[in-house]
C-alpha atoms as a PDB file:
ATOM      1  CA  MET A   1      28.591 -47.174   5.169  1.00  0.00           C
ATOM      2  CA  GLY A   2      30.144 -48.364   8.467  1.00  0.00           C
ATOM      3  CA  ASP A   3      28.846 -47.434  11.855  1.00  0.00           C
ATOM      4  CA  PHE A   4      30.126 -44.241  13.431  1.00  0.00           C
ATOM      5  CA  ILE A   5      31.725 -45.018  16.816  1.00  0.00           C
ATOM      6  CA  ASP A   6      31.203 -42.371  19.503  1.00  0.00           C
ATOM      7  CA  SER A   7      31.755 -44.595  22.504  1.00  0.00           C
ATOM      8  CA  GLY A   8      32.641 -48.149  23.345  1.00  0.00           C
ATOM      9  CA  ALA A   9      35.627 -49.910  21.956  1.00  0.00           C
ATOM     10  CA  VAL A  10      37.370 -50.332  18.611  1.00  0.00           C
ATOM     11  CA  LYS A  11      39.411 -53.350  17.509  1.00  0.00           C
ATOM     12  CA  VAL A  12      42.325 -52.882  15.093  1.00  0.00           C
ATOM     13  CA  ILE A  13      43.737 -55.658  12.912  1.00  0.00           C
ATOM     14  CA  GLU A  14      46.580 -55.791  10.408  1.00  0.00           C
ATOM     15  CA  VAL A  15      46.006 -57.102   6.905  1.00  0.00           C
ATOM     16  CA  ILE A  16      48.106 -57.292   3.789  1.00  0.00           C
ATOM     17  CA  GLY A  17      46.308 -56.637   0.476  1.00  0.00           C
ATOM     18  CA  ILE A  18      47.800 -57.867  -2.746  1.00  0.00           C
ATOM     19  CA  SER A  19      47.264 -56.774  -6.353  1.00  0.00           C
ATOM     20  CA  LYS A  20      48.869 -56.972  -9.772  1.00  0.00           C
ATOM     21  CA  ASP A  21      47.315 -53.552 -10.618  1.00  0.00           C
ATOM     22  CA  GLY A  22      48.959 -51.123  -8.114  1.00  0.00           C
ATOM     23  CA  PHE A  23      49.157 -49.993  -4.537  1.00  0.00           C
ATOM     24  CA  GLU A  24      45.705 -48.484  -4.492  1.00  0.00           C
ATOM     25  CA  ALA A  25      44.169 -51.681  -5.731  1.00  0.00           C
ATOM     26  CA  ALA A  26      46.142 -53.608  -3.026  1.00  0.00           C
ATOM     27  CA  VAL A  27      44.624 -51.375  -0.311  1.00  0.00           C
ATOM     28  CA  ASP A  28      41.155 -51.777  -1.853  1.00  0.00           C
ATOM     29  CA  ASN A  29      41.600 -55.549  -1.914  1.00  0.00           C
ATOM     30  CA  ALA A  30      42.615 -55.614   1.724  1.00  0.00           C
ATOM     31  CA  VAL A  31      39.524 -53.723   2.814  1.00  0.00           C
ATOM     32  CA  ALA A  32      37.152 -55.616   0.521  1.00  0.00           C
ATOM     33  CA  LYS A  33      38.386 -59.063   1.519  1.00  0.00           C
ATOM     34  CA  ALA A  34      38.319 -58.253   5.258  1.00  0.00           C
ATOM     35  CA  ALA A  35      34.794 -56.832   4.813  1.00  0.00           C
ATOM     36  CA  GLU A  36      33.581 -60.256   3.743  1.00  0.00           C
ATOM     37  CA  SER A  37      33.959 -61.462   7.329  1.00  0.00           C
ATOM     38  CA  ILE A  38      34.206 -58.306   9.372  1.00  0.00           C
ATOM     39  CA  LYS A  39      31.208 -56.022   9.636  1.00  0.00           C
ATOM     40  CA  GLY A  40      31.394 -52.315  10.270  1.00  0.00           C
ATOM     41  CA  ILE A  41      34.926 -51.424   9.219  1.00  0.00           C
ATOM     42  CA  THR A  42      35.232 -47.683   9.963  1.00  0.00           C
ATOM     43  CA  GLY A  43      38.788 -46.883   8.959  1.00  0.00           C
ATOM     44  CA  VAL A  44      41.927 -47.928   7.261  1.00  0.00           C
ATOM     45  CA  GLU A  45      45.530 -46.807   7.887  1.00  0.00           C
ATOM     46  CA  VAL A  46      48.202 -47.678   5.362  1.00  0.00           C
ATOM     47  CA  GLN A  47      51.318 -48.867   7.244  1.00  0.00           C
ATOM     48  CA  ASN A  48      53.647 -50.106   4.468  1.00  0.00           C
ATOM     49  CA  LEU A  49      53.831 -50.444   0.790  1.00  0.00           C
ATOM     50  CA  SER A  50      56.041 -53.065  -0.855  1.00  0.00           C
ATOM     51  CA  ALA A  51      56.296 -54.886  -4.126  1.00  0.00           C
ATOM     52  CA  ARG A  52      57.568 -58.162  -5.636  1.00  0.00           C
ATOM     53  CA  VAL A  53      59.957 -57.781  -8.558  1.00  0.00           C
ATOM     54  CA  ASP A  54      60.635 -60.390 -11.159  1.00  0.00           C
ATOM     55  CA  ASP A  55      63.144 -59.928 -13.957  1.00  0.00           C
ATOM     56  CA  GLY A  56      63.400 -56.221 -13.256  1.00  0.00           C
ATOM     57  CA  LYS A  57      59.672 -55.558 -13.348  1.00  0.00           C
ATOM     58  CA  VAL A  58      57.162 -55.052 -10.552  1.00  0.00           C
ATOM     59  CA  VAL A  59      54.790 -58.036 -10.694  1.00  0.00           C
ATOM     60  CA  GLN A  60      52.889 -57.719  -7.397  1.00  0.00           C
ATOM     61  CA  TYR A  61      51.969 -54.760  -5.159  1.00  0.00           C
ATOM     62  CA  ARG A  62      51.420 -55.243  -1.438  1.00  0.00           C
ATOM     63  CA  ALA A  63      49.869 -52.896   1.050  1.00  0.00           C
ATOM     64  CA  THR A  64      49.974 -53.593   4.776  1.00  0.00           C
ATOM     65  CA  VAL A  65      47.040 -51.828   6.373  1.00  0.00           C
ATOM     66  CA  LYS A  66      45.407 -51.543   9.786  1.00  0.00           C
ATOM     67  CA  LEU A  67      41.648 -51.836   9.804  1.00  0.00           C
ATOM     68  CA  ALA A  68      39.402 -50.519  12.623  1.00  0.00           C
ATOM     69  CA  PHE A  69      35.932 -51.713  13.538  1.00  0.00           C
ATOM     70  CA  ALA A  70      33.651 -51.488  16.498  1.00  0.00           C
ATOM     71  CA  VAL A  71      33.791 -54.296  19.078  1.00  0.00           C
ATOM     72  CA  ARG A  72      30.294 -55.773  19.393  1.00  0.00           C
END
Protein backbone atom coordinates (compact mmCIF):
# COMPACT_ATOMS: atom_id res chain seq x y z
CA MET A 1 0.00 0.00 0.00
CA GLY A 2 1.21 3.54 -0.72
CA ASP A 3 2.28 6.03 1.91
CA PHE A 4 -0.38 8.20 3.52
CA ILE A 5 0.49 11.87 3.01
CA ASP A 6 -0.41 14.11 5.93
CA SER A 7 2.04 16.94 5.19
CA GLY A 8 4.68 17.86 2.64
CA ALA A 9 3.99 17.94 -1.08
CA VAL A 10 2.32 15.79 -3.70
CA LYS A 11 3.23 15.56 -7.37
CA VAL A 12 0.55 14.83 -9.97
CA ILE A 13 1.30 13.43 -13.42
CA GLU A 14 -0.92 12.50 -16.35
CA VAL A 15 -0.71 9.06 -17.92
CA ILE A 16 -2.75 7.29 -20.61
CA GLY A 17 -3.43 3.60 -20.01
CA ILE A 18 -4.28 1.35 -22.94
CA SER A 19 -6.06 -2.01 -23.07
CA LYS A 20 -7.92 -4.30 -25.45
CA ASP A 21 -10.06 -5.55 -22.53
CA GLY A 22 -11.98 -2.46 -21.41
CA PHE A 23 -11.78 0.88 -19.64
CA GLU A 24 -11.18 -0.59 -16.19
CA ALA A 25 -8.23 -2.57 -17.53
CA ALA A 26 -6.87 0.59 -19.18
CA VAL A 27 -6.95 2.39 -15.80
CA ASP A 28 -5.32 -0.60 -14.11
CA ASN A 29 -2.61 -0.68 -16.79
CA ALA A 30 -1.86 3.03 -16.34
CA VAL A 31 -1.38 2.62 -12.60
CA ALA A 32 0.59 -0.63 -12.86
CA LYS A 33 2.96 0.64 -15.54
CA ALA A 34 3.60 3.92 -13.72
CA ALA A 35 4.21 2.01 -10.47
CA GLU A 36 7.17 0.27 -12.12
CA SER A 37 9.13 3.53 -11.94
CA ILE A 38 7.18 5.67 -9.43
CA LYS A 39 7.06 4.59 -5.81
CA GLY A 40 4.26 5.47 -3.42
CA ILE A 41 1.36 6.27 -5.76
CA THR A 42 -1.47 7.29 -3.44
CA GLY A 43 -4.30 8.19 -5.77
CA VAL A 44 -5.71 8.05 -9.27
CA GLU A 45 -8.28 10.32 -10.91
CA VAL A 46 -9.80 9.30 -14.23
CA GLN A 47 -9.88 12.34 -16.51
CA ASN A 48 -11.06 10.94 -19.83
CA LEU A 49 -12.11 7.70 -21.47
CA SER A 50 -11.76 7.15 -25.21
CA ALA A 51 -11.54 4.26 -27.62
CA ARG A 52 -10.12 3.37 -31.00
CA VAL A 53 -12.63 1.94 -33.45
CA ASP A 54 -11.80 -0.22 -36.45
CA ASP A 55 -14.41 -1.54 -38.87
CA GLY A 56 -17.25 -0.57 -36.55
CA LYS A 57 -15.79 -2.31 -33.49
CA VAL A 58 -13.95 -0.99 -30.46
CA VAL A 59 -10.44 -2.41 -30.69
CA GLN A 60 -8.61 -0.39 -28.04
CA TYR A 61 -9.69 1.33 -24.82
CA ARG A 62 -7.81 4.35 -23.46
CA ALA A 63 -8.00 5.96 -20.04
CA THR A 64 -6.34 9.29 -19.32
CA VAL A 65 -5.61 9.42 -15.59
CA LYS A 66 -3.86 11.68 -13.12
CA LEU A 67 -1.65 9.91 -10.59
CA ALA A 68 -0.63 11.42 -7.27
CA PHE A 69 2.46 10.53 -5.22
CA ALA A 70 4.55 12.10 -2.49
CA VAL A 71 7.47 14.31 -3.42
CA ARG A 72 10.54 12.83 -1.74
